[in-house]
Structure formats: C-alpha cells, structure tokens
Amino acid sequence: MVIPHSSFLIPNSFQERVMEKITIQTEYIKLDALLKFAALVGTGGEAKAVIADGMVTVNGEICTMRGKKIRPGDRVCFADSELLVEQAP
C-alpha cells in the first residue's frame, strides 16, 4: 500500500513552534493555570487531561504533574506553542 505524501504526519519535535513570553508577577505559576492563562486550553479539566496524557513538556521533559510550579526561566511546550515564563520587573 502506498500512502500519499500529504498523509504523513510530521512529529511534533520537527514542527516549528510559536514562542510566546508569559510574564508573571508571582514567584511561580502552576502548570495547569499557565496553560489556561496562555489560552492554550479552554478549561481546567482540559488542562488536567492534556497534562495527564503526557502532552506537555517542561524544560524539554514530559511533565504529568498539573500542580508543577513553573518559575521564571522555565519553558513549557504544548501542541505547536512554546511558552517562556518571565518575571515582571
């Protein structure tokens, strides 16, 4: 069976990611709250599901802890988005 070229899926690691800087005024933000704040998910339940399914990475490693504390300098990737967390001045 021959699969047309358009049917091939490119692994997420090879796709170009959209980098977005997120500025926080607190010491940290929890991972599920960050996904909601950045509008990458619509609800807390959706955030919980994508995190539990291993679809989110923190600093290049899969993270399944929705309460993970994300601090300035951390990078979070989900789908085709990459978030860089920064501290407000």
C-alpha atoms as a PDB file:
ATOM      1  CA  MET A   1       0.000   0.000   0.000  1.00  0.00           C
ATOM      2  CA  VAL A   2       1.288   3.440  -0.941  1.00  0.00           C
ATOM      3  CA  ILE A   3       0.494   6.361   1.346  1.00  0.00           C
ATOM      4  CA  PRO A   4       0.224   9.764  -0.362  1.00  0.00           C
ATOM      5  CA  HIS A   5       2.798  12.278   0.837  1.00  0.00           C
ATOM      6  CA  SER A   6       0.108  14.567   2.285  1.00  0.00           C
ATOM      7  CA  SER A   7      -0.925  11.812   4.699  1.00  0.00           C
ATOM      8  CA  PHE A   8       2.409  11.733   6.505  1.00  0.00           C
ATOM      9  CA  LEU A   9       2.396  13.234   9.978  1.00  0.00           C
ATOM     10  CA  ILE A  10       5.415  15.250  10.997  1.00  0.00           C
ATOM     11  CA  PRO A  11       6.418  14.511  14.603  1.00  0.00           C
ATOM     12  CA  ASN A  12       5.790  17.476  16.861  1.00  0.00           C
ATOM     13  CA  SER A  13       9.514  17.858  17.581  1.00  0.00           C
ATOM     14  CA  PHE A  14      10.112  18.742  13.909  1.00  0.00           C
ATOM     15  CA  GLN A  15       7.323  21.266  13.579  1.00  0.00           C
ATOM     16  CA  GLU A  16       8.025  24.937  14.066  1.00  0.00           C
ATOM     17  CA  ARG A  17       6.793  26.158  17.448  1.00  0.00           C
ATOM     18  CA  VAL A  18       5.295  29.529  18.213  1.00  0.00           C
ATOM     19  CA  MET A  19       7.247  31.144  21.079  1.00  0.00           C
ATOM     20  CA  GLU A  20       5.269  33.269  23.490  1.00  0.00           C
ATOM     21  CA  LYS A  21       6.624  35.089  26.526  1.00  0.00           C
ATOM     22  CA  ILE A  22       4.413  34.940  29.609  1.00  0.00           C
ATOM     23  CA  THR A  23       5.140  37.446  32.372  1.00  0.00           C
ATOM     24  CA  ILE A  24       4.192  36.567  35.935  1.00  0.00           C
ATOM     25  CA  GLN A  25       4.260  38.798  38.985  1.00  0.00           C
ATOM     26  CA  THR A  26       4.429  35.960  41.492  1.00  0.00           C
ATOM     27  CA  GLU A  27       7.233  33.567  42.378  1.00  0.00           C
ATOM     28  CA  TYR A  28       5.640  30.782  40.305  1.00  0.00           C
ATOM     29  CA  ILE A  29       2.508  29.685  38.468  1.00  0.00           C
ATOM     30  CA  LYS A  30       1.147  26.151  38.467  1.00  0.00           C
ATOM     31  CA  LEU A  31       1.323  24.302  35.167  1.00  0.00           C
ATOM     32  CA  ASP A  32      -2.430  23.882  34.703  1.00  0.00           C
ATOM     33  CA  ALA A  33      -3.032  27.561  35.479  1.00  0.00           C
ATOM     34  CA  LEU A  34      -0.326  28.567  32.987  1.00  0.00           C
ATOM     35  CA  LEU A  35      -1.990  26.621  30.176  1.00  0.00           C
ATOM     36  CA  LYS A  36      -5.300  28.333  30.947  1.00  0.00           C
ATOM     37  CA  PHE A  37      -3.701  31.783  31.341  1.00  0.00           C
ATOM     38  CA  ALA A  38      -1.961  31.433  27.968  1.00  0.00           C
ATOM     39  CA  ALA A  39      -5.264  30.292  26.387  1.00  0.00           C
ATOM     40  CA  LEU A  40      -3.741  27.009  25.193  1.00  0.00           C
ATOM     41  CA  VAL A  41      -6.675  25.169  26.775  1.00  0.00           C
ATOM     42  CA  GLY A  42     -10.210  26.299  27.480  1.00  0.00           C
ATOM     43  CA  THR A  43     -10.827  24.794  30.907  1.00  0.00           C
ATOM     44  CA  GLY A  44      -9.063  23.394  33.928  1.00  0.00           C
ATOM     45  CA  GLY A  45     -10.419  19.966  33.044  1.00  0.00           C
ATOM     46  CA  GLU A  46      -8.852  20.164  29.608  1.00  0.00           C
ATOM     47  CA  ALA A  47      -5.548  21.263  31.164  1.00  0.00           C
ATOM     48  CA  LYS A  48      -5.690  18.318  33.577  1.00  0.00           C
ATOM     49  CA  ALA A  49      -6.331  15.894  30.699  1.00  0.00           C
ATOM     50  CA  VAL A  50      -3.538  17.070  28.381  1.00  0.00           C
ATOM     51  CA  ILE A  51      -1.045  17.132  31.263  1.00  0.00           C
ATOM     52  CA  ALA A  52      -2.058  13.654  32.484  1.00  0.00           C
ATOM     53  CA  ASP A  53      -1.802  12.313  28.914  1.00  0.00           C
ATOM     54  CA  GLY A  54       1.848  13.444  28.737  1.00  0.00           C
ATOM     55  CA  MET A  55       1.232  16.046  26.047  1.00  0.00           C
ATOM     56  CA  VAL A  56       3.073  18.861  27.882  1.00  0.00           C
ATOM     57  CA  THR A  57       6.807  19.285  28.380  1.00  0.00           C
ATOM     58  CA  VAL A  58       8.580  21.485  30.908  1.00  0.00           C
ATOM     59  CA  ASN A  59      12.173  22.347  30.037  1.00  0.00           C
ATOM     60  CA  GLY A  60      12.235  19.536  27.469  1.00  0.00           C
ATOM     61  CA  GLU A  61      10.887  16.780  29.732  1.00  0.00           C
ATOM     62  CA  ILE A  62       7.360  15.367  29.761  1.00  0.00           C
ATOM     63  CA  CYS A  63       5.525  16.542  32.871  1.00  0.00           C
ATOM     64  CA  THR A  64       2.378  14.854  34.178  1.00  0.00           C
ATOM     65  CA  MET A  65       2.075  16.922  37.376  1.00  0.00           C
ATOM     66  CA  ARG A  66      -0.613  19.565  36.873  1.00  0.00           C
ATOM     67  CA  GLY A  67       0.464  21.357  40.064  1.00  0.00           C
ATOM     68  CA  LYS A  68       4.099  21.622  38.938  1.00  0.00           C
ATOM     69  CA  LYS A  69       5.465  25.032  39.905  1.00  0.00           C
ATOM     70  CA  ILE A  70       6.606  26.880  36.811  1.00  0.00           C
ATOM     71  CA  ARG A  71       9.141  29.601  37.600  1.00  0.00           C
ATOM     72  CA  PRO A  72      10.725  32.388  35.550  1.00  0.00           C
ATOM     73  CA  GLY A  73      13.124  30.889  33.000  1.00  0.00           C
ATOM     74  CA  ASP A  74      11.088  27.704  32.541  1.00  0.00           C
ATOM     75  CA  ARG A  75       9.922  26.687  29.066  1.00  0.00           C
ATOM     76  CA  VAL A  76       6.622  24.891  28.602  1.00  0.00           C
ATOM     77  CA  CYS A  77       5.626  23.263  25.299  1.00  0.00           C
ATOM     78  CA  PHE A  78       2.180  22.065  24.266  1.00  0.00           C
ATOM     79  CA  ALA A  79       0.932  21.365  20.748  1.00  0.00           C
ATOM     80  CA  ASP A  80       2.652  23.907  18.491  1.00  0.00           C
ATOM     81  CA  SER A  81       3.212  26.505  21.228  1.00  0.00           C
ATOM     82  CA  GLU A  82       6.203  27.169  23.437  1.00  0.00           C
ATOM     83  CA  LEU A  83       5.872  29.392  26.491  1.00  0.00           C
ATOM     84  CA  LEU A  84       8.805  31.154  28.099  1.00  0.00           C
ATOM     85  CA  VAL A  85       7.947  32.320  31.612  1.00  0.00           C
ATOM     86  CA  GLU A  86       9.466  35.633  32.700  1.00  0.00           C
ATOM     87  CA  GLN A  87       9.355  37.635  35.930  1.00  0.00           C
ATOM     88  CA  ALA A  88       7.690  41.049  35.837  1.00  0.00           C
ATOM     89  CA  PRO A  89      10.095  43.908  36.574  1.00  0.00           C
END
